[in-house]
Amino acid sequence: ENPEINQALEIVERSAYSDGDLYAYEDYLLEVMTQRNAMSNERAEGRAEGRAEGRAEGRAEGRAEGRAEGRAEGRAEGAKQKAIDAAHKMLADGMSIDLVAKYSGLSPDELSKI
């Protein structure tokens, strides 16, 4: 916990090694740090690849959902327009608004705007 005590311990440990042992120990530490750095880089690359794949999948899913929603909205608008066109013809032929509302599915308010 105390940095000064840690530094003193490192000095005592180093003094216990011969020059050859100290060189081998430092070489070993360097190798461990290199391996840790390589693993950290590989993890970072893996996360980046995972994010890119996730984004691509999300975009594909979003496009598919958007297309499905667009088709559903288009069909609904088309059905509504077909009902309006049919109601317009029925009203032109003299049918009552209540009867046209019954068969077209449109409300009397909607029919009054036609």
PDB file of N, CA and C in Angstrom:
ATOM      1  N   GLU A   1       0.819  -1.196   0.000  1.00  0.00           N
ATOM      2  CA  GLU A   1       0.000   0.000   0.000  1.00  0.00           C
ATOM      3  C   GLU A   1       0.861   1.257   0.000  1.00  0.00           C
ATOM      4  N   ASN A   2       2.004   1.181   0.652  1.00  0.00           N
ATOM      5  CA  ASN A   2       2.891   2.331   0.733  1.00  0.00           C
ATOM      6  C   ASN A   2       3.911   2.262  -0.404  1.00  0.00           C
ATOM      7  N   PRO A   3       3.944   3.243  -1.301  1.00  0.00           N
ATOM      8  CA  PRO A   3       4.855   3.181  -2.445  1.00  0.00           C
ATOM      9  C   PRO A   3       6.338   3.196  -2.047  1.00  0.00           C
ATOM     10  N   GLU A   4       6.660   3.868  -0.981  1.00  0.00           N
ATOM     11  CA  GLU A   4       8.066   3.911  -0.555  1.00  0.00           C
ATOM     12  C   GLU A   4       8.535   2.545  -0.055  1.00  0.00           C
ATOM     13  N   ILE A   5       7.644   1.834   0.652  1.00  0.00           N
ATOM     14  CA  ILE A   5       7.995   0.490   1.129  1.00  0.00           C
ATOM     15  C   ILE A   5       8.110  -0.457  -0.053  1.00  0.00           C
ATOM     16  N   ASN A   6       7.210  -0.332  -1.026  1.00  0.00           N
ATOM     17  CA  ASN A   6       7.284  -1.177  -2.226  1.00  0.00           C
ATOM     18  C   ASN A   6       8.593  -0.959  -2.964  1.00  0.00           C
ATOM     19  N   GLN A   7       9.003   0.289  -3.085  1.00  0.00           N
ATOM     20  CA  GLN A   7      10.265   0.589  -3.768  1.00  0.00           C
ATOM     21  C   GLN A   7      11.442  -0.013  -3.007  1.00  0.00           C
ATOM     22  N   ALA A   8      11.416   0.069  -1.683  1.00  0.00           N
ATOM     23  CA  ALA A   8      12.499  -0.505  -0.869  1.00  0.00           C
ATOM     24  C   ALA A   8      12.538  -2.017  -1.034  1.00  0.00           C
ATOM     25  N   LEU A   9      11.362  -2.661  -1.099  1.00  0.00           N
ATOM     26  CA  LEU A   9      11.315  -4.118  -1.287  1.00  0.00           C
ATOM     27  C   LEU A   9      11.891  -4.513  -2.644  1.00  0.00           C
ATOM     28  N   GLU A  10      11.598  -3.733  -3.668  1.00  0.00           N
ATOM     29  CA  GLU A  10      12.151  -4.027  -4.995  1.00  0.00           C
ATOM     30  C   GLU A  10      13.677  -3.940  -4.980  1.00  0.00           C
ATOM     31  N   ILE A  11      14.203  -2.952  -4.287  1.00  0.00           N
ATOM     32  CA  ILE A  11      15.663  -2.797  -4.210  1.00  0.00           C
ATOM     33  C   ILE A  11      16.276  -3.987  -3.482  1.00  0.00           C
ATOM     34  N   VAL A  12      15.647  -4.432  -2.394  1.00  0.00           N
ATOM     35  CA  VAL A  12      16.160  -5.589  -1.639  1.00  0.00           C
ATOM     36  C   VAL A  12      16.091  -6.840  -2.501  1.00  0.00           C
ATOM     37  N   GLU A  13      14.983  -7.032  -3.226  1.00  0.00           N
ATOM     38  CA  GLU A  13      14.855  -8.216  -4.080  1.00  0.00           C
ATOM     39  C   GLU A  13      15.906  -8.209  -5.173  1.00  0.00           C
ATOM     40  N   ARG A  14      16.158  -7.078  -5.799  1.00  0.00           N
ATOM     41  CA  ARG A  14      17.156  -6.984  -6.862  1.00  0.00           C
ATOM     42  C   ARG A  14      18.567  -7.275  -6.336  1.00  0.00           C
ATOM     43  N   SER A  15      18.827  -6.862  -5.130  1.00  0.00           N
ATOM     44  CA  SER A  15      20.179  -7.087  -4.593  1.00  0.00           C
ATOM     45  C   SER A  15      20.444  -8.558  -4.314  1.00  0.00           C
ATOM     46  N   ALA A  16      19.390  -9.364  -4.200  1.00  0.00           N
ATOM     47  CA  ALA A  16      19.550 -10.793  -3.947  1.00  0.00           C
ATOM     48  C   ALA A  16      19.916 -11.557  -5.212  1.00  0.00           C
ATOM     49  N   TYR A  17      19.730 -10.967  -6.393  1.00  0.00           N
ATOM     50  CA  TYR A  17      20.022 -11.637  -7.650  1.00  0.00           C
ATOM     51  C   TYR A  17      21.454 -11.341  -8.113  1.00  0.00           C
ATOM     52  N   SER A  18      22.012 -12.332  -8.829  1.00  0.00           N
ATOM     53  CA  SER A  18      23.288 -12.075  -9.494  1.00  0.00           C
ATOM     54  C   SER A  18      22.978 -11.312 -10.779  1.00  0.00           C
ATOM     55  N   ASP A  19      23.979 -10.785 -11.441  1.00  0.00           N
ATOM     56  CA  ASP A  19      23.758 -10.043 -12.674  1.00  0.00           C
ATOM     57  C   ASP A  19      23.059 -10.915 -13.725  1.00  0.00           C
ATOM     58  N   GLY A  20      23.472 -12.164 -13.848  1.00  0.00           N
ATOM     59  CA  GLY A  20      22.868 -13.086 -14.821  1.00  0.00           C
ATOM     60  C   GLY A  20      21.426 -13.395 -14.479  1.00  0.00           C
ATOM     61  N   ASP A  21      21.176 -13.643 -13.166  1.00  0.00           N
ATOM     62  CA  ASP A  21      19.805 -13.916 -12.732  1.00  0.00           C
ATOM     63  C   ASP A  21      18.902 -12.699 -12.950  1.00  0.00           C
ATOM     64  N   LEU A  22      19.422 -11.511 -12.651  1.00  0.00           N
ATOM     65  CA  LEU A  22      18.665 -10.287 -12.812  1.00  0.00           C
ATOM     66  C   LEU A  22      18.325 -10.050 -14.285  1.00  0.00           C
ATOM     67  N   TYR A  23      19.298 -10.328 -15.155  1.00  0.00           N
ATOM     68  CA  TYR A  23      19.067 -10.173 -16.588  1.00  0.00           C
ATOM     69  C   TYR A  23      17.974 -11.152 -17.049  1.00  0.00           C
ATOM     70  N   ALA A  24      18.031 -12.400 -16.603  1.00  0.00           N
ATOM     71  CA  ALA A  24      17.042 -13.407 -16.988  1.00  0.00           C
ATOM     72  C   ALA A  24      15.662 -13.032 -16.446  1.00  0.00           C
ATOM     73  N   TYR A  25      15.625 -12.524 -15.217  1.00  0.00           N
ATOM     74  CA  TYR A  25      14.355 -12.129 -14.607  1.00  0.00           C
ATOM     75  C   TYR A  25      13.738 -10.958 -15.365  1.00  0.00           C
ATOM     76  N   GLU A  26      14.523  -9.964 -15.708  1.00  0.00           N
ATOM     77  CA  GLU A  26      14.021  -8.815 -16.453  1.00  0.00           C
ATOM     78  C   GLU A  26      13.564  -9.223 -17.849  1.00  0.00           C
ATOM     79  N   ASP A  27      14.318 -10.171 -18.447  1.00  0.00           N
ATOM     80  CA  ASP A  27      13.927 -10.693 -19.757  1.00  0.00           C
ATOM     81  C   ASP A  27      12.570 -11.404 -19.664  1.00  0.00           C
ATOM     82  N   TYR A  28      12.402 -12.177 -18.568  1.00  0.00           N
ATOM     83  CA  TYR A  28      11.139 -12.872 -18.343  1.00  0.00           C
ATOM     84  C   TYR A  28       9.998 -11.859 -18.174  1.00  0.00           C
ATOM     85  N   LEU A  29      10.205 -10.818 -17.380  1.00  0.00           N
ATOM     86  CA  LEU A  29       9.182  -9.794 -17.175  1.00  0.00           C
ATOM     87  C   LEU A  29       8.810  -9.106 -18.486  1.00  0.00           C
ATOM     88  N   LEU A  30       9.820  -8.836 -19.306  1.00  0.00           N
ATOM     89  CA  LEU A  30       9.567  -8.212 -20.600  1.00  0.00           C
ATOM     90  C   LEU A  30       8.701  -9.124 -21.476  1.00  0.00           C
ATOM     91  N   GLU A  31       8.977 -10.408 -21.455  1.00  0.00           N
ATOM     92  CA  GLU A  31       8.195 -11.377 -22.239  1.00  0.00           C
ATOM     93  C   GLU A  31       6.747 -11.435 -21.737  1.00  0.00           C
ATOM     94  N   VAL A  32       6.561 -11.426 -20.431  1.00  0.00           N
ATOM     95  CA  VAL A  32       5.211 -11.451 -19.860  1.00  0.00           C
ATOM     96  C   VAL A  32       4.440 -10.196 -20.268  1.00  0.00           C
ATOM     97  N   MET A  33       5.079  -9.032 -20.185  1.00  0.00           N
ATOM     98  CA  MET A  33       4.416  -7.784 -20.564  1.00  0.00           C
ATOM     99  C   MET A  33       4.076  -7.784 -22.055  1.00  0.00           C
ATOM    100  N   THR A  34       4.958  -8.337 -22.876  1.00  0.00           N
ATOM    101  CA  THR A  34       4.702  -8.399 -24.318  1.00  0.00           C
ATOM    102  C   THR A  34       3.489  -9.290 -24.601  1.00  0.00           C
ATOM    103  N   GLN A  35       3.424 -10.430 -23.915  1.00  0.00           N
ATOM    104  CA  GLN A  35       2.291 -11.336 -24.122  1.00  0.00           C
ATOM    105  C   GLN A  35       0.984 -10.706 -23.647  1.00  0.00           C
ATOM    106  N   ARG A  36       1.027 -10.040 -22.501  1.00  0.00           N
ATOM    107  CA  ARG A  36      -0.186  -9.370 -22.005  1.00  0.00           C
ATOM    108  C   ARG A  36      -0.647  -8.288 -22.980  1.00  0.00           C
ATOM    109  N   ASN A  37       0.296  -7.550 -23.514  1.00  0.00           N
ATOM    110  CA  ASN A  37      -0.034  -6.502 -24.472  1.00  0.00           C
ATOM    111  C   ASN A  37      -0.661  -7.111 -25.736  1.00  0.00           C
ATOM    112  N   ALA A  38      -0.091  -8.217 -26.212  1.00  0.00           N
ATOM    113  CA  ALA A  38      -0.622  -8.889 -27.399  1.00  0.00           C
ATOM    114  C   ALA A  38      -2.047  -9.388 -27.146  1.00  0.00           C
ATOM    115  N   MET A  39      -2.284  -9.978 -25.960  1.00  0.00           N
ATOM    116  CA  MET A  39      -3.626 -10.463 -25.635  1.00  0.00           C
ATOM    117  C   MET A  39      -4.608  -9.302 -25.533  1.00  0.00           C
ATOM    118  N   SER A  40      -4.150  -8.207 -24.955  1.00  0.00           N
ATOM    119  CA  SER A  40      -5.022  -7.032 -24.849  1.00  0.00           C
ATOM    120  C   SER A  40      -5.388  -6.511 -26.232  1.00  0.00           C
ATOM    121  N   ASN A  41      -4.412  -6.468 -27.131  1.00  0.00           N
ATOM    122  CA  ASN A  41      -4.678  -6.020 -28.506  1.00  0.00           C
ATOM    123  C   ASN A  41      -5.639  -6.961 -29.217  1.00  0.00           C
ATOM    124  N   GLU A  42      -5.447  -8.269 -29.009  1.00  0.00           N
ATOM    125  CA  GLU A  42      -6.338  -9.242 -29.643  1.00  0.00           C
ATOM    126  C   GLU A  42      -7.767  -9.101 -29.114  1.00  0.00           C
ATOM    127  N   ARG A  43      -7.903  -8.856 -27.799  1.00  0.00           N
ATOM    128  CA  ARG A  43      -9.230  -8.655 -27.229  1.00  0.00           C
ATOM    129  C   ARG A  43      -9.882  -7.408 -27.827  1.00  0.00           C
ATOM    130  N   ALA A  44      -9.093  -6.355 -27.949  1.00  0.00           N
ATOM    131  CA  ALA A  44      -9.627  -5.109 -28.524  1.00  0.00           C
ATOM    132  C   ALA A  44     -10.054  -5.325 -29.977  1.00  0.00           C
ATOM    133  N   GLU A  45      -9.241  -6.065 -30.735  1.00  0.00           N
ATOM    134  CA  GLU A  45      -9.608  -6.357 -32.131  1.00  0.00           C
ATOM    135  C   GLU A  45     -10.879  -7.208 -32.187  1.00  0.00           C
ATOM    136  N   GLY A  46     -10.978  -8.171 -31.285  1.00  0.00           N
ATOM    137  CA  GLY A  46     -12.164  -9.025 -31.235  1.00  0.00           C
ATOM    138  C   GLY A  46     -13.412  -8.228 -30.901  1.00  0.00           C
ATOM    139  N   ARG A  47     -13.282  -7.312 -29.947  1.00  0.00           N
ATOM    140  CA  ARG A  47     -14.431  -6.465 -29.609  1.00  0.00           C
ATOM    141  C   ARG A  47     -14.825  -5.595 -30.798  1.00  0.00           C
ATOM    142  N   ALA A  48     -13.837  -5.043 -31.485  1.00  0.00           N
ATOM    143  CA  ALA A  48     -14.128  -4.193 -32.650  1.00  0.00           C
ATOM    144  C   ALA A  48     -14.828  -5.004 -33.741  1.00  0.00           C
ATOM    145  N   GLU A  49     -14.341  -6.224 -33.983  1.00  0.00           N
ATOM    146  CA  GLU A  49     -14.987  -7.082 -34.980  1.00  0.00           C
ATOM    147  C   GLU A  49     -16.413  -7.416 -34.555  1.00  0.00           C
ATOM    148  N   GLY A  50     -16.591  -7.717 -33.266  1.00  0.00           N
ATOM    149  CA  GLY A  50     -17.927  -8.037 -32.752  1.00  0.00           C
ATOM    150  C   GLY A  50     -18.882  -6.865 -32.905  1.00  0.00           C
ATOM    151  N   ARG A  51     -18.382  -5.669 -32.609  1.00  0.00           N
ATOM    152  CA  ARG A  51     -19.224  -4.482 -32.766  1.00  0.00           C
ATOM    153  C   ARG A  51     -19.614  -4.288 -34.234  1.00  0.00           C
ATOM    154  N   ALA A  52     -18.643  -4.467 -35.130  1.00  0.00           N
ATOM    155  CA  ALA A  52     -18.926  -4.286 -36.559  1.00  0.00           C
ATOM    156  C   ALA A  52     -19.958  -5.309 -37.031  1.00  0.00           C
ATOM    157  N   GLU A  53     -19.802  -6.561 -36.598  1.00  0.00           N
ATOM    158  CA  GLU A  53     -20.772  -7.587 -36.982  1.00  0.00           C
ATOM    159  C   GLU A  53     -22.148  -7.266 -36.396  1.00  0.00           C
ATOM    160  N   GLY A  54     -22.167  -6.813 -35.146  1.00  0.00           N
ATOM    161  CA  GLY A  54     -23.436  -6.458 -34.508  1.00  0.00           C
ATOM    162  C   GLY A  54     -24.133  -5.318 -35.229  1.00  0.00           C
ATOM    163  N   ARG A  55     -23.345  -4.315 -35.622  1.00  0.00           N
ATOM    164  CA  ARG A  55     -23.935  -3.193 -36.361  1.00  0.00           C
ATOM    165  C   ARG A  55     -24.510  -3.660 -37.695  1.00  0.00           C
ATOM    166  N   ALA A  56     -23.752  -4.516 -38.398  1.00  0.00           N
ATOM    167  CA  ALA A  56     -24.222  -5.016 -39.694  1.00  0.00           C
ATOM    168  C   ALA A  56     -25.513  -5.814 -39.523  1.00  0.00           C
ATOM    169  N   GLU A  57     -25.560  -6.671 -38.504  1.00  0.00           N
ATOM    170  CA  GLU A  57     -26.770  -7.449 -38.256  1.00  0.00           C
ATOM    171  C   GLU A  57     -27.931  -6.530 -37.879  1.00  0.00           C
ATOM    172  N   GLY A  58     -27.646  -5.533 -37.055  1.00  0.00           N
ATOM    173  CA  GLY A  58     -28.688  -4.588 -36.650  1.00  0.00           C
ATOM    174  C   GLY A  58     -29.239  -3.820 -37.835  1.00  0.00           C
ATOM    175  N   ARG A  59     -28.346  -3.403 -38.715  1.00  0.00           N
ATOM    176  CA  ARG A  59     -28.809  -2.679 -39.913  1.00  0.00           C
ATOM    177  C   ARG A  59     -29.675  -3.577 -40.782  1.00  0.00           C
ATOM    178  N   ALA A  60     -29.238  -4.824 -40.969  1.00  0.00           N
ATOM    179  CA  ALA A  60     -30.009  -5.755 -41.798  1.00  0.00           C
ATOM    180  C   ALA A  60     -31.393  -5.996 -41.182  1.00  0.00           C
ATOM    181  N   GLU A  61     -31.432  -6.194 -39.865  1.00  0.00           N
ATOM    182  CA  GLU A  61     -32.713  -6.408 -39.202  1.00  0.00           C
ATOM    183  C   GLU A  61     -33.582  -5.152 -39.314  1.00  0.00           C
ATOM    184  N   GLY A  62     -32.969  -3.995 -39.139  1.00  0.00           N
ATOM    185  CA  GLY A  62     -33.710  -2.741 -39.240  1.00  0.00           C
ATOM    186  C   GLY A  62     -34.300  -2.537 -40.628  1.00  0.00           C
ATOM    187  N   ARG A  63     -33.494  -2.858 -41.645  1.00  0.00           N
ATOM    188  CA  ARG A  63     -34.006  -2.736 -43.017  1.00  0.00           C
ATOM    189  C   ARG A  63     -35.173  -3.675 -43.246  1.00  0.00           C
ATOM    190  N   ALA A  64     -35.040  -4.922 -42.775  1.00  0.00           N
ATOM    191  CA  ALA A  64     -36.112  -5.904 -42.966  1.00  0.00           C
ATOM    192  C   ALA A  64     -37.376  -5.451 -42.241  1.00  0.00           C
ATOM    193  N   GLU A  65     -37.227  -4.962 -41.014  1.00  0.00           N
ATOM    194  CA  GLU A  65     -38.396  -4.481 -40.282  1.00  0.00           C
ATOM    195  C   GLU A  65     -39.008  -3.270 -40.979  1.00  0.00           C
ATOM    196  N   GLY A  66     -38.154  -2.386 -41.468  1.00  0.00           N
ATOM    197  CA  GLY A  66     -38.651  -1.199 -42.179  1.00  0.00           C
ATOM    198  C   GLY A  66     -39.421  -1.567 -43.429  1.00  0.00           C
ATOM    199  N   ARG A  67     -38.896  -2.541 -44.165  1.00  0.00           N
ATOM    200  CA  ARG A  67     -39.610  -2.982 -45.372  1.00  0.00           C
ATOM    201  C   ARG A  67     -40.963  -3.578 -45.007  1.00  0.00           C
ATOM    202  N   ALA A  68     -40.975  -4.421 -43.970  1.00  0.00           N
ATOM    203  CA  ALA A  68     -42.231  -5.061 -43.557  1.00  0.00           C
ATOM    204  C   ALA A  68     -43.243  -4.004 -43.115  1.00  0.00           C
ATOM    205  N   GLU A  69     -42.775  -3.027 -42.335  1.00  0.00           N
ATOM    206  CA  GLU A  69     -43.678  -1.963 -41.895  1.00  0.00           C
ATOM    207  C   GLU A  69     -44.168  -1.137 -43.087  1.00  0.00           C
ATOM    208  N   GLY A  70     -43.273  -0.865 -44.018  1.00  0.00           N
ATOM    209  CA  GLY A  70     -43.649  -0.103 -45.208  1.00  0.00           C
ATOM    210  C   GLY A  70     -44.687  -0.837 -46.035  1.00  0.00           C
ATOM    211  N   ARG A  71     -44.497  -2.144 -46.190  1.00  0.00           N
ATOM    212  CA  ARG A  71     -45.484  -2.927 -46.942  1.00  0.00           C
ATOM    213  C   ARG A  71     -46.837  -2.911 -46.239  1.00  0.00           C
ATOM    214  N   ALA A  72     -46.807  -3.095 -44.922  1.00  0.00           N
ATOM    215  CA  ALA A  72     -48.069  -3.108 -44.163  1.00  0.00           C
ATOM    216  C   ALA A  72     -48.772  -1.755 -44.272  1.00  0.00           C
ATOM    217  N   GLU A  73     -48.001  -0.678 -44.137  1.00  0.00           N
ATOM    218  CA  GLU A  73     -48.600   0.650 -44.264  1.00  0.00           C
ATOM    219  C   GLU A  73     -49.143   0.873 -45.676  1.00  0.00           C
ATOM    220  N   GLY A  74     -48.392   0.425 -46.668  1.00  0.00           N
ATOM    221  CA  GLY A  74     -48.842   0.564 -48.055  1.00  0.00           C
ATOM    222  C   GLY A  74     -50.119  -0.201 -48.317  1.00  0.00           C
ATOM    223  N   ARG A  75     -50.192  -1.412 -47.789  1.00  0.00           N
ATOM    224  CA  ARG A  75     -51.419  -2.205 -47.963  1.00  0.00           C
ATOM    225  C   ARG A  75     -52.600  -1.531 -47.274  1.00  0.00           C
ATOM    226  N   ALA A  76     -52.361  -1.015 -46.057  1.00  0.00           N
ATOM    227  CA  ALA A  76     -53.443  -0.351 -45.320  1.00  0.00           C
ATOM    228  C   ALA A  76     -53.911   0.892 -46.071  1.00  0.00           C
ATOM    229  N   GLU A  77     -52.955   1.673 -46.573  1.00  0.00           N
ATOM    230  CA  GLU A  77     -53.322   2.875 -47.334  1.00  0.00           C
ATOM    231  C   GLU A  77     -54.065   2.495 -48.614  1.00  0.00           C
ATOM    232  N   GLY A  78     -53.601   1.422 -49.262  1.00  0.00           N
ATOM    233  CA  GLY A  78     -54.268   0.968 -50.481  1.00  0.00           C
ATOM    234  C   GLY A  78     -55.684   0.496 -50.208  1.00  0.00           C
ATOM    235  N   ALA A  79     -55.869  -0.237 -49.116  1.00  0.00           N
ATOM    236  CA  ALA A  79     -57.214  -0.709 -48.764  1.00  0.00           C
ATOM    237  C   ALA A  79     -58.113   0.468 -48.422  1.00  0.00           C
ATOM    238  N   LYS A  80     -57.568   1.434 -47.707  1.00  0.00           N
ATOM    239  CA  LYS A  80     -58.360   2.625 -47.353  1.00  0.00           C
ATOM    240  C   LYS A  80     -58.748   3.391 -48.614  1.00  0.00           C
ATOM    241  N   GLN A  81     -57.804   3.545 -49.528  1.00  0.00           N
ATOM    242  CA  GLN A  81     -58.094   4.269 -50.764  1.00  0.00           C
ATOM    243  C   GLN A  81     -59.135   3.528 -51.595  1.00  0.00           C
ATOM    244  N   LYS A  82     -59.053   2.198 -51.608  1.00  0.00           N
ATOM    245  CA  LYS A  82     -60.033   1.396 -52.342  1.00  0.00           C
ATOM    246  C   LYS A  82     -61.425   1.584 -51.741  1.00  0.00           C
ATOM    247  N   ALA A  83     -61.503   1.618 -50.392  1.00  0.00           N
ATOM    248  CA  ALA A  83     -62.786   1.833 -49.728  1.00  0.00           C
ATOM    249  C   ALA A  83     -63.324   3.228 -50.042  1.00  0.00           C
ATOM    250  N   ILE A  84     -62.445   4.220 -50.072  1.00  0.00           N
ATOM    251  CA  ILE A  84     -62.869   5.588 -50.393  1.00  0.00           C
ATOM    252  C   ILE A  84     -63.391   5.668 -51.824  1.00  0.00           C
ATOM    253  N   ASP A  85     -62.664   5.025 -52.742  1.00  0.00           N
ATOM    254  CA  ASP A  85     -63.096   5.040 -54.143  1.00  0.00           C
ATOM    255  C   ASP A  85     -64.463   4.370 -54.298  1.00  0.00           C
ATOM    256  N   ALA A  86     -64.641   3.227 -53.640  1.00  0.00           N
ATOM    257  CA  ALA A  86     -65.919   2.513 -53.721  1.00  0.00           C
ATOM    258  C   ALA A  86     -67.032   3.346 -53.083  1.00  0.00           C
ATOM    259  N   ALA A  87     -66.736   3.981 -51.940  1.00  0.00           N
ATOM    260  CA  ALA A  87     -67.733   4.807 -51.259  1.00  0.00           C
ATOM    261  C   ALA A  87     -68.124   5.997 -52.134  1.00  0.00           C
ATOM    262  N   HIS A  88     -67.144   6.558 -52.803  1.00  0.00           N
ATOM    263  CA  HIS A  88     -67.417   7.694 -53.692  1.00  0.00           C
ATOM    264  C   HIS A  88     -68.398   7.277 -54.788  1.00  0.00           C
ATOM    265  N   LYS A  89     -68.192   6.097 -55.351  1.00  0.00           N
ATOM    266  CA  LYS A  89     -69.094   5.600 -56.400  1.00  0.00           C
ATOM    267  C   LYS A  89     -70.486   5.320 -55.839  1.00  0.00           C
ATOM    268  N   MET A  90     -70.533   4.729 -54.625  1.00  0.00           N
ATOM    269  CA  MET A  90     -71.833   4.426 -54.022  1.00  0.00           C
ATOM    270  C   MET A  90     -72.616   5.701 -53.739  1.00  0.00           C
ATOM    271  N   LEU A  91     -71.904   6.705 -53.218  1.00  0.00           N
ATOM    272  CA  LEU A  91     -72.566   7.977 -52.932  1.00  0.00           C
ATOM    273  C   LEU A  91     -73.025   8.644 -54.223  1.00  0.00           C
ATOM    274  N   ALA A  92     -72.217   8.523 -55.271  1.00  0.00           N
ATOM    275  CA  ALA A  92     -72.587   9.106 -56.562  1.00  0.00           C
ATOM    276  C   ALA A  92     -73.829   8.430 -57.139  1.00  0.00           C
ATOM    277  N   ASP A  93     -73.999   7.138 -56.795  1.00  0.00           N
ATOM    278  CA  ASP A  93     -75.179   6.408 -57.269  1.00  0.00           C
ATOM    279  C   ASP A  93     -76.397   6.657 -56.384  1.00  0.00           C
ATOM    280  N   GLY A  94     -76.245   7.472 -55.334  1.00  0.00           N
ATOM    281  CA  GLY A  94     -77.388   7.863 -54.516  1.00  0.00           C
ATOM    282  C   GLY A  94     -77.606   7.031 -53.269  1.00  0.00           C
ATOM    283  N   MET A  95     -76.660   6.185 -52.884  1.00  0.00           N
ATOM    284  CA  MET A  95     -76.829   5.397 -51.662  1.00  0.00           C
ATOM    285  C   MET A  95     -76.714   6.310 -50.448  1.00  0.00           C
ATOM    286  N   SER A  96     -77.389   5.941 -49.369  1.00  0.00           N
ATOM    287  CA  SER A  96     -77.358   6.754 -48.147  1.00  0.00           C
ATOM    288  C   SER A  96     -75.990   6.605 -47.464  1.00  0.00           C
ATOM    289  N   ILE A  97     -75.630   7.632 -46.706  1.00  0.00           N
ATOM    290  CA  ILE A  97     -74.329   7.622 -46.000  1.00  0.00           C
ATOM    291  C   ILE A  97     -74.268   6.458 -45.024  1.00  0.00           C
ATOM    292  N   ASP A  98     -75.377   6.158 -44.337  1.00  0.00           N
ATOM    293  CA  ASP A  98     -75.377   5.054 -43.370  1.00  0.00           C
ATOM    294  C   ASP A  98     -75.115   3.716 -44.061  1.00  0.00           C
ATOM    295  N   LEU A  99     -75.715   3.497 -45.204  1.00  0.00           N
ATOM    296  CA  LEU A  99     -75.525   2.254 -45.941  1.00  0.00           C
ATOM    297  C   LEU A  99     -74.100   2.158 -46.499  1.00  0.00           C
ATOM    298  N   VAL A 100     -73.596   3.255 -47.023  1.00  0.00           N
ATOM    299  CA  VAL A 100     -72.229   3.274 -47.538  1.00  0.00           C
ATOM    300  C   VAL A 100     -71.243   3.035 -46.400  1.00  0.00           C
ATOM    301  N   ALA A 101     -71.482   3.626 -45.232  1.00  0.00           N
ATOM    302  CA  ALA A 101     -70.606   3.428 -44.068  1.00  0.00           C
ATOM    303  C   ALA A 101     -70.597   1.959 -43.661  1.00  0.00           C
ATOM    304  N   LYS A 102     -71.778   1.336 -43.720  1.00  0.00           N
ATOM    305  CA  LYS A 102     -71.885  -0.071 -43.345  1.00  0.00           C
ATOM    306  C   LYS A 102     -71.030  -0.967 -44.250  1.00  0.00           C
ATOM    307  N   TYR A 103     -71.073  -0.736 -45.550  1.00  0.00           N
ATOM    308  CA  TYR A 103     -70.376  -1.607 -46.501  1.00  0.00           C
ATOM    309  C   TYR A 103     -68.917  -1.212 -46.753  1.00  0.00           C
ATOM    310  N   SER A 104     -68.607   0.042 -46.567  1.00  0.00           N
ATOM    311  CA  SER A 104     -67.224   0.474 -46.851  1.00  0.00           C
ATOM    312  C   SER A 104     -66.312   0.402 -45.641  1.00  0.00           C
ATOM    313  N   GLY A 105     -66.893   0.424 -44.451  1.00  0.00           N
ATOM    314  CA  GLY A 105     -66.082   0.430 -43.244  1.00  0.00           C
ATOM    315  C   GLY A 105     -65.603   1.827 -42.873  1.00  0.00           C
ATOM    316  N   LEU A 106     -66.012   2.811 -43.617  1.00  0.00           N
ATOM    317  CA  LEU A 106     -65.638   4.192 -43.325  1.00  0.00           C
ATOM    318  C   LEU A 106     -66.667   4.802 -42.397  1.00  0.00           C
ATOM    319  N   SER A 107     -66.252   5.758 -41.600  1.00  0.00           N
ATOM    320  CA  SER A 107     -67.177   6.431 -40.684  1.00  0.00           C
ATOM    321  C   SER A 107     -67.990   7.471 -41.446  1.00  0.00           C
ATOM    322  N   PRO A 108     -69.139   7.839 -40.909  1.00  0.00           N
ATOM    323  CA  PRO A 108     -69.938   8.890 -41.554  1.00  0.00           C
ATOM    324  C   PRO A 108     -69.155  10.210 -41.669  1.00  0.00           C
ATOM    325  N   ASP A 109     -68.299  10.513 -40.688  1.00  0.00           N
ATOM    326  CA  ASP A 109     -67.470  11.730 -40.775  1.00  0.00           C
ATOM    327  C   ASP A 109     -66.531  11.681 -41.973  1.00  0.00           C
ATOM    328  N   GLU A 110     -65.919  10.509 -42.187  1.00  0.00           N
ATOM    329  CA  GLU A 110     -65.014  10.342 -43.317  1.00  0.00           C
ATOM    330  C   GLU A 110     -65.799  10.467 -44.634  1.00  0.00           C
ATOM    331  N   LEU A 111     -67.000   9.899 -44.653  1.00  0.00           N
ATOM    332  CA  LEU A 111     -67.814   9.936 -45.863  1.00  0.00           C
ATOM    333  C   LEU A 111     -68.278  11.354 -46.194  1.00  0.00           C
ATOM    334  N   SER A 112     -68.515  12.151 -45.168  1.00  0.00           N
ATOM    335  CA  SER A 112     -68.978  13.514 -45.412  1.00  0.00           C
ATOM    336  C   SER A 112     -67.882  14.370 -46.044  1.00  0.00           C
ATOM    337  N   LYS A 113     -66.633  13.959 -45.900  1.00  0.00           N
ATOM    338  CA  LYS A 113     -65.509  14.700 -46.496  1.00  0.00           C
ATOM    339  C   LYS A 113     -65.284  14.337 -47.960  1.00  0.00           C
ATOM    340  N   ILE A 114     -65.915  13.271 -48.408  1.00  0.00           N
ATOM    341  CA  ILE A 114     -65.705  12.813 -49.795  1.00  0.00           C
ATOM    342  C   ILE A 114     -66.462  13.696 -50.748  1.00  0.00           C
TER     343      ILE A 114
END
